[in-house]
C-alpha atoms as a PDB file:
ATOM      1  CA  MET A   1      12.953  16.814   2.818  1.00  0.00           C
ATOM      2  CA  ASN A   2      11.091  19.975   3.483  1.00  0.00           C
ATOM      3  CA  LYS A   3       7.676  20.852   4.790  1.00  0.00           C
ATOM      4  CA  GLY A   4       6.130  20.883   1.300  1.00  0.00           C
ATOM      5  CA  GLU A   5       7.509  17.432   0.406  1.00  0.00           C
ATOM      6  CA  ILE A   6       6.555  15.902   3.854  1.00  0.00           C
ATOM      7  CA  THR A   7       2.979  17.248   3.306  1.00  0.00           C
ATOM      8  CA  LYS A   8       2.717  15.621  -0.194  1.00  0.00           C
ATOM      9  CA  LEU A   9       4.390  12.381   1.204  1.00  0.00           C
ATOM     10  CA  LEU A  10       1.894  12.095   4.004  1.00  0.00           C
ATOM     11  CA  ALA A  11      -0.974  13.081   1.681  1.00  0.00           C
ATOM     12  CA  SER A  12       0.105  10.039  -0.680  1.00  0.00           C
ATOM     13  CA  PHE A  13      -0.186   7.597   2.307  1.00  0.00           C
ATOM     14  CA  THR A  14      -3.688   8.398   2.928  1.00  0.00           C
ATOM     15  CA  LYS A  15      -4.727   6.637  -0.126  1.00  0.00           C
ATOM     16  CA  SER A  16      -4.032   3.258   1.661  1.00  0.00           C
ATOM     17  CA  ILE A  17      -4.515   4.644   5.370  1.00  0.00           C
ATOM     18  CA  ASP A  18      -6.921   1.723   6.241  1.00  0.00           C
ATOM     19  CA  ARG A  19      -4.344  -0.742   5.133  1.00  0.00           C
ATOM     20  CA  ASN A  20      -1.156   0.698   6.893  1.00  0.00           C
ATOM     21  CA  ILE A  21       0.316  -0.799  10.061  1.00  0.00           C
ATOM     22  CA  VAL A  22       2.508   1.391  12.326  1.00  0.00           C
ATOM     23  CA  ILE A  23       5.227  -0.021  14.582  1.00  0.00           C
ATOM     24  CA  VAL A  24       6.932   2.092  17.327  1.00  0.00           C
ATOM     25  CA  ASP A  25       9.782   0.594  19.048  1.00  0.00           C
ATOM     26  CA  PHE A  26       9.714   3.402  21.603  1.00  0.00           C
ATOM     27  CA  ALA A  27      12.829   2.111  23.576  1.00  0.00           C
ATOM     28  CA  ASN A  28      14.793   2.814  20.186  1.00  0.00           C
ATOM     29  CA  VAL A  29      13.066   6.010  19.493  1.00  0.00           C
ATOM     30  CA  ASP A  30      13.726   7.417  22.859  1.00  0.00           C
ATOM     31  CA  ARG A  31      17.463   6.805  22.551  1.00  0.00           C
ATOM     32  CA  TRP A  32      17.597   9.086  19.431  1.00  0.00           C
ATOM     33  CA  GLN A  33      17.464  12.198  21.489  1.00  0.00           C
ATOM     34  CA  ASP A  34      20.995  12.095  22.340  1.00  0.00           C
ATOM     35  CA  SER A  35      21.930  12.611  18.853  1.00  0.00           C
ATOM     36  CA  LEU A  36      18.875  14.719  17.891  1.00  0.00           C
ATOM     37  CA  GLY A  37      19.257  17.374  20.756  1.00  0.00           C
ATOM     38  CA  TRP A  38      15.408  17.073  21.050  1.00  0.00           C
ATOM     39  CA  SER A  39      12.877  14.593  22.440  1.00  0.00           C
ATOM     40  CA  ILE A  40      10.221  13.074  20.400  1.00  0.00           C
ATOM     41  CA  GLY A  41       6.824  13.736  21.979  1.00  0.00           C
ATOM     42  CA  ILE A  42       4.373  10.771  22.162  1.00  0.00           C
ATOM     43  CA  LYS A  43       1.289  12.962  21.560  1.00  0.00           C
ATOM     44  CA  ASN A  44       3.174  14.404  18.560  1.00  0.00           C
ATOM     45  CA  LEU A  45       4.032  10.991  17.297  1.00  0.00           C
ATOM     46  CA  GLY A  46       0.330   9.920  17.504  1.00  0.00           C
ATOM     47  CA  GLN A  47      -0.504  12.948  15.544  1.00  0.00           C
ATOM     48  CA  LEU A  48       1.929  12.152  12.845  1.00  0.00           C
ATOM     49  CA  VAL A  49       0.698   8.538  12.800  1.00  0.00           C
ATOM     50  CA  SER A  50      -2.890   9.710  12.522  1.00  0.00           C
ATOM     51  CA  HIS A  51      -1.842  10.670   8.766  1.00  0.00           C
ATOM     52  CA  ILE A  52      -0.759   7.358   8.105  1.00  0.00           C
ATOM     53  CA  SER A  53      -2.950   4.803   9.726  1.00  0.00           C
ATOM     54  CA  LYS A  54      -6.448   5.339  10.950  1.00  0.00           C
ATOM     55  CA  GLY A  55      -9.636   3.156  12.048  1.00  0.00           C
ATOM     56  CA  LYS A  56      -8.252   0.067  13.227  1.00  0.00           C
ATOM     57  CA  LYS A  57      -6.356   0.693  16.526  1.00  0.00           C
ATOM     58  CA  PHE A  58      -4.331  -2.526  16.259  1.00  0.00           C
ATOM     59  CA  LEU A  59      -2.868  -1.188  13.184  1.00  0.00           C
ATOM     60  CA  ARG A  60      -1.061   1.339  15.342  1.00  0.00           C
ATOM     61  CA  ARG A  61       1.098  -0.402  17.676  1.00  0.00           C
ATOM     62  CA  PHE A  62       3.520   0.954  20.415  1.00  0.00           C
ATOM     63  CA  TYR A  63       6.155  -1.181  21.993  1.00  0.00           C
ATOM     64  CA  TYR A  64       7.798  -0.571  25.175  1.00  0.00           C
ATOM     65  CA  GLY A  65       8.380  -2.316  28.572  1.00  0.00           C
ATOM     66  CA  GLN A  66       6.497  -2.030  31.710  1.00  0.00           C
ATOM     67  CA  ASP A  67       9.131  -1.278  34.402  1.00  0.00           C
ATOM     68  CA  PHE A  68       8.031  -2.466  37.961  1.00  0.00           C
ATOM     69  CA  GLY A  69      11.475  -1.400  39.607  1.00  0.00           C
ATOM     70  CA  GLN A  70      14.138  -4.052  40.833  1.00  0.00           C
ATOM     71  CA  LYS A  71      11.751  -6.022  43.088  1.00  0.00           C
ATOM     72  CA  GLU A  72      10.530  -9.084  41.212  1.00  0.00           C
ATOM     73  CA  LYS A  73       7.084  -9.024  42.890  1.00  0.00           C
ATOM     74  CA  SER A  74       6.362  -5.291  42.684  1.00  0.00           C
ATOM     75  CA  THR A  75       3.047  -4.503  40.833  1.00  0.00           C
ATOM     76  CA  VAL A  76       3.522  -0.900  40.793  1.00  0.00           C
ATOM     77  CA  LEU A  77       5.090   0.690  37.585  1.00  0.00           C
ATOM     78  CA  THR A  78       8.055   3.146  37.993  1.00  0.00           C
ATOM     79  CA  PRO A  79       6.485   6.754  37.476  1.00  0.00           C
ATOM     80  CA  TRP A  80       8.456   7.032  34.112  1.00  0.00           C
ATOM     81  CA  SER A  81       7.168   3.812  32.684  1.00  0.00           C
ATOM     82  CA  GLU A  82       3.636   4.591  33.672  1.00  0.00           C
ATOM     83  CA  LYS A  83       3.725   8.115  32.241  1.00  0.00           C
ATOM     84  CA  ILE A  84       5.116   6.727  28.735  1.00  0.00           C
ATOM     85  CA  LEU A  85       2.218   3.922  28.642  1.00  0.00           C
ATOM     86  CA  ARG A  86      -0.442   6.197  29.774  1.00  0.00           C
ATOM     87  CA  GLN A  87       0.585   8.859  27.081  1.00  0.00           C
ATOM     88  CA  ALA A  88       0.731   6.213  24.241  1.00  0.00           C
ATOM     89  CA  GLN A  89      -2.784   4.920  25.452  1.00  0.00           C
ATOM     90  CA  TYR A  90      -4.033   8.619  25.233  1.00  0.00           C
ATOM     91  CA  SER A  91      -2.550   8.916  21.733  1.00  0.00           C
ATOM     92  CA  GLY A  92      -4.420   6.276  20.189  1.00  0.00           C
ATOM     93  CA  PHE A  93      -1.730   3.444  20.119  1.00  0.00           C
ATOM     94  CA  GLU A  94      -2.345  -0.473  20.838  1.00  0.00           C
ATOM     95  CA  ILE A  95       0.182  -1.001  23.633  1.00  0.00           C
ATOM     96  CA  VAL A  96       2.424  -4.112  23.388  1.00  0.00           C
ATOM     97  CA  THR A  97       4.639  -4.572  26.484  1.00  0.00           C
ATOM     98  CA  LYS A  98       6.348  -7.025  28.873  1.00  0.00           C
ATOM     99  CA  ARG A  99       8.112  -6.801  32.158  1.00  0.00           C
ATOM    100  CA  VAL A 100      11.448  -5.225  32.242  1.00  0.00           C
ATOM    101  CA  LYS A 101      14.088  -7.440  33.641  1.00  0.00           C
ATOM    102  CA  TYR A 102      16.871  -6.284  36.011  1.00  0.00           C
ATOM    103  CA  ILE A 103      20.056  -8.145  35.445  1.00  0.00           C
ATOM    104  CA  PRO A 104      22.948  -8.083  37.973  1.00  0.00           C
ATOM    105  CA  ASP A 105      25.982  -6.606  36.367  1.00  0.00           C
ATOM    106  CA  GLU A 106      28.888  -5.263  38.274  1.00  0.00           C
ATOM    107  CA  LYS A 107      30.123  -3.253  35.426  1.00  0.00           C
ATOM    108  CA  TYR A 108      27.454  -0.719  35.876  1.00  0.00           C
ATOM    109  CA  GLU A 109      27.268   1.939  38.720  1.00  0.00           C
ATOM    110  CA  THR A 110      23.738   0.759  39.691  1.00  0.00           C
ATOM    111  CA  GLY A 111      24.994  -2.884  39.847  1.00  0.00           C
ATOM    112  CA  TYR A 112      22.393  -4.000  37.323  1.00  0.00           C
ATOM    113  CA  ILE A 113      21.418  -3.551  33.744  1.00  0.00           C
ATOM    114  CA  LYS A 114      17.536  -3.096  32.611  1.00  0.00           C
ATOM    115  CA  LYS A 115      16.483  -5.200  29.675  1.00  0.00           C
ATOM    116  CA  CYS A 116      13.467  -5.640  27.746  1.00  0.00           C
ATOM    117  CA  ASN A 117      13.693  -6.271  24.136  1.00  0.00           C
ATOM    118  CA  LEU A 118      10.495  -6.401  22.019  1.00  0.00           C
ATOM    119  CA  ASP A 119      11.890  -7.358  18.614  1.00  0.00           C
ATOM    120  CA  ILE A 120      10.475 -10.932  18.514  1.00  0.00           C
ATOM    121  CA  GLU A 121       6.881  -9.352  19.338  1.00  0.00           C
ATOM    122  CA  MET A 122       7.337  -6.800  16.544  1.00  0.00           C
ATOM    123  CA  ALA A 123       8.441  -9.515  13.980  1.00  0.00           C
ATOM    124  CA  VAL A 124       5.760 -11.812  14.944  1.00  0.00           C
ATOM    125  CA  ASP A 125       2.841  -9.122  14.805  1.00  0.00           C
ATOM    126  CA  LEU A 126       4.168  -8.061  11.470  1.00  0.00           C
ATOM    127  CA  ILE A 127       3.722 -11.672  10.296  1.00  0.00           C
ATOM    128  CA  LYS A 128       0.421 -12.410  12.335  1.00  0.00           C
ATOM    129  CA  GLU A 129      -1.304  -9.393  10.818  1.00  0.00           C
ATOM    130  CA  LYS A 130      -0.103  -9.693   7.381  1.00  0.00           C
ATOM    131  CA  ASP A 131      -3.762 -10.094   5.775  1.00  0.00           C
ATOM    132  CA  ASN A 132      -4.481  -6.793   7.523  1.00  0.00           C
ATOM    133  CA  TYR A 133      -1.962  -4.508   5.863  1.00  0.00           C
ATOM    134  CA  ASP A 134      -0.310  -3.825   2.731  1.00  0.00           C
ATOM    135  CA  THR A 135       2.243  -1.253   3.900  1.00  0.00           C
ATOM    136  CA  ALA A 136       4.380  -1.084   7.209  1.00  0.00           C
ATOM    137  CA  PHE A 137       5.795   1.988   8.797  1.00  0.00           C
ATOM    138  CA  ILE A 138       8.282   1.059  11.222  1.00  0.00           C
ATOM    139  CA  PHE A 139       9.871   3.652  13.778  1.00  0.00           C
ATOM    140  CA  SER A 140      13.183   1.869  14.719  1.00  0.00           C
ATOM    141  CA  GLY A 141      16.750   2.061  13.312  1.00  0.00           C
ATOM    142  CA  ASP A 142      17.408  -1.651  14.485  1.00  0.00           C
ATOM    143  CA  GLY A 143      19.179  -3.607  11.955  1.00  0.00           C
ATOM    144  CA  ASP A 144      17.662  -6.820  13.721  1.00  0.00           C
ATOM    145  CA  MET A 145      14.403  -6.259  11.597  1.00  0.00           C
ATOM    146  CA  ALA A 146      16.295  -6.905   8.373  1.00  0.00           C
ATOM    147  CA  TYR A 147      15.397 -10.656   8.547  1.00  0.00           C
ATOM    148  CA  VAL A 148      11.583  -9.996   8.874  1.00  0.00           C
ATOM    149  CA  ASN A 149      11.756  -7.368   6.187  1.00  0.00           C
ATOM    150  CA  ASP A 150      13.149  -9.852   3.801  1.00  0.00           C
ATOM    151  CA  TYR A 151      10.596 -12.378   4.662  1.00  0.00           C
ATOM    152  CA  LEU A 152       7.555  -9.722   4.393  1.00  0.00           C
ATOM    153  CA  HIS A 153       8.819  -8.433   1.074  1.00  0.00           C
ATOM    154  CA  LYS A 154       9.581 -11.624  -0.532  1.00  0.00           C
ATOM    155  CA  ASN A 155       6.579 -13.698   0.538  1.00  0.00           C
ATOM    156  CA  PHE A 156       3.913 -11.168   0.968  1.00  0.00           C
ATOM    157  CA  ALA A 157       5.294  -8.180  -1.320  1.00  0.00           C
ATOM    158  CA  LYS A 158       4.870  -5.814   1.630  1.00  0.00           C
ATOM    159  CA  LYS A 159       5.942  -2.113   1.241  1.00  0.00           C
ATOM    160  CA  LEU A 160       8.235  -1.074   4.153  1.00  0.00           C
ATOM    161  CA  TYR A 161       9.055   2.344   5.408  1.00  0.00           C
ATOM    162  CA  TYR A 162      11.366   3.041   8.234  1.00  0.00           C
ATOM    163  CA  PHE A 163      11.542   6.168  10.417  1.00  0.00           C
ATOM    164  CA  GLY A 164      14.910   6.722  12.097  1.00  0.00           C
ATOM    165  CA  ALA A 165      17.449   9.271  13.016  1.00  0.00           C
ATOM    166  CA  ARG A 166      20.282   9.431  10.811  1.00  0.00           C
ATOM    167  CA  ASN A 167      22.996   8.404  13.221  1.00  0.00           C
ATOM    168  CA  HIS A 168      20.768   5.384  14.527  1.00  0.00           C
ATOM    169  CA  ILE A 169      19.938   3.495  11.214  1.00  0.00           C
ATOM    170  CA  GLY A 170      21.545  -0.105  11.310  1.00  0.00           C
ATOM    171  CA  LYS A 171      23.633  -0.980   8.125  1.00  0.00           C
ATOM    172  CA  GLU A 172      21.258  -3.791   7.658  1.00  0.00           C
ATOM    173  CA  LEU A 173      18.514  -1.584   7.013  1.00  0.00           C
ATOM    174  CA  ILE A 174      20.531   0.521   4.633  1.00  0.00           C
ATOM    175  CA  ASP A 175      21.453  -2.444   2.710  1.00  0.00           C
ATOM    176  CA  SER A 176      17.753  -3.616   2.527  1.00  0.00           C
ATOM    177  CA  LYS A 177      16.851  -0.219   1.069  1.00  0.00           C
ATOM    178  CA  HIS A 178      19.690  -0.640  -1.572  1.00  0.00           C
ATOM    179  CA  LYS A 179      18.238  -4.143  -2.499  1.00  0.00           C
ATOM    180  CA  LYS A 180      14.870  -2.516  -2.603  1.00  0.00           C
ATOM    181  CA  ILE A 181      13.353  -4.726   0.363  1.00  0.00           C
ATOM    182  CA  ILE A 182      12.627  -1.438   2.170  1.00  0.00           C
ATOM    183  CA  THR A 183      10.684   1.000   0.052  1.00  0.00           C
ATOM    184  CA  ASP A 184      12.348   4.021   1.888  1.00  0.00           C
ATOM    185  CA  ILE A 185      14.111   5.406   4.918  1.00  0.00           C
ATOM    186  CA  LEU A 186      12.682   8.659   6.313  1.00  0.00           C
ATOM    187  CA  PHE A 187      14.496  10.633   8.696  1.00  0.00           C
ATOM    188  CA  VAL A 188      13.020  11.915  11.878  1.00  0.00           C
ATOM    189  CA  GLU A 189      15.219  15.043  11.806  1.00  0.00           C
ATOM    190  CA  ASP A 190      13.043  16.057   8.655  1.00  0.00           C
ATOM    191  CA  PHE A 191      10.055  15.706  10.876  1.00  0.00           C
ATOM    192  CA  GLU A 192      11.148  17.852  13.760  1.00  0.00           C
ATOM    193  CA  TYR A 193       8.431  20.541  13.245  1.00  0.00           C
ATOM    194  CA  ARG A 194       5.833  17.794  13.903  1.00  0.00           C
ATOM    195  CA  LEU A 195       7.538  15.569  16.440  1.00  0.00           C
ATOM    196  CA  ASN A 196       9.675  17.843  18.630  1.00  0.00           C
ATOM    197  CA  LEU A 197       8.075  17.479  22.287  1.00  0.00           C
ATOM    198  CA  LYS A 198       8.648  21.108  22.935  1.00  0.00           C
ATOM    199  CA  ARG A 199       7.127  22.469  19.636  1.00  0.00           C
END
């Protein structure tokens, strides 16, 4: 997709801009940089999203874990986690978060694995807000979302667009597109001129 096609596509989304919900699974988005070779800037992401959803802040949702470090009673966010959440807030997103867990695991050099999955929160919010939107734009390649996609499409006739990196799209999402449950999968590589942190 070239710049002209993207401009035309974004213009088509403005017709329903106050009835579009955006879901950003930032942990998923952040992992794309390994194959992209560049990082997605949160400010850049917020600017792109402003062409898709405007007005109601709760329709621009940013899902990312609060990392307070290994100590369970710590109330101080790690600098990285604080930076991400602050940038999301400044970029006009409604933040949905929960505490990152540190799970002991000897297989890892650090002796632990960090876990904070927000798939359930995303699925519940998509259902809970069903009366407030007609089209969902989901920044994630996670195939686990296929079940809620099917439910939203069949029961409420929701249009669903996914943004993902080419090598990070779950097979379940590709199958959903072939079944016309997902309207389209958009590749972030095509949007680099809008999303690259360094641009």
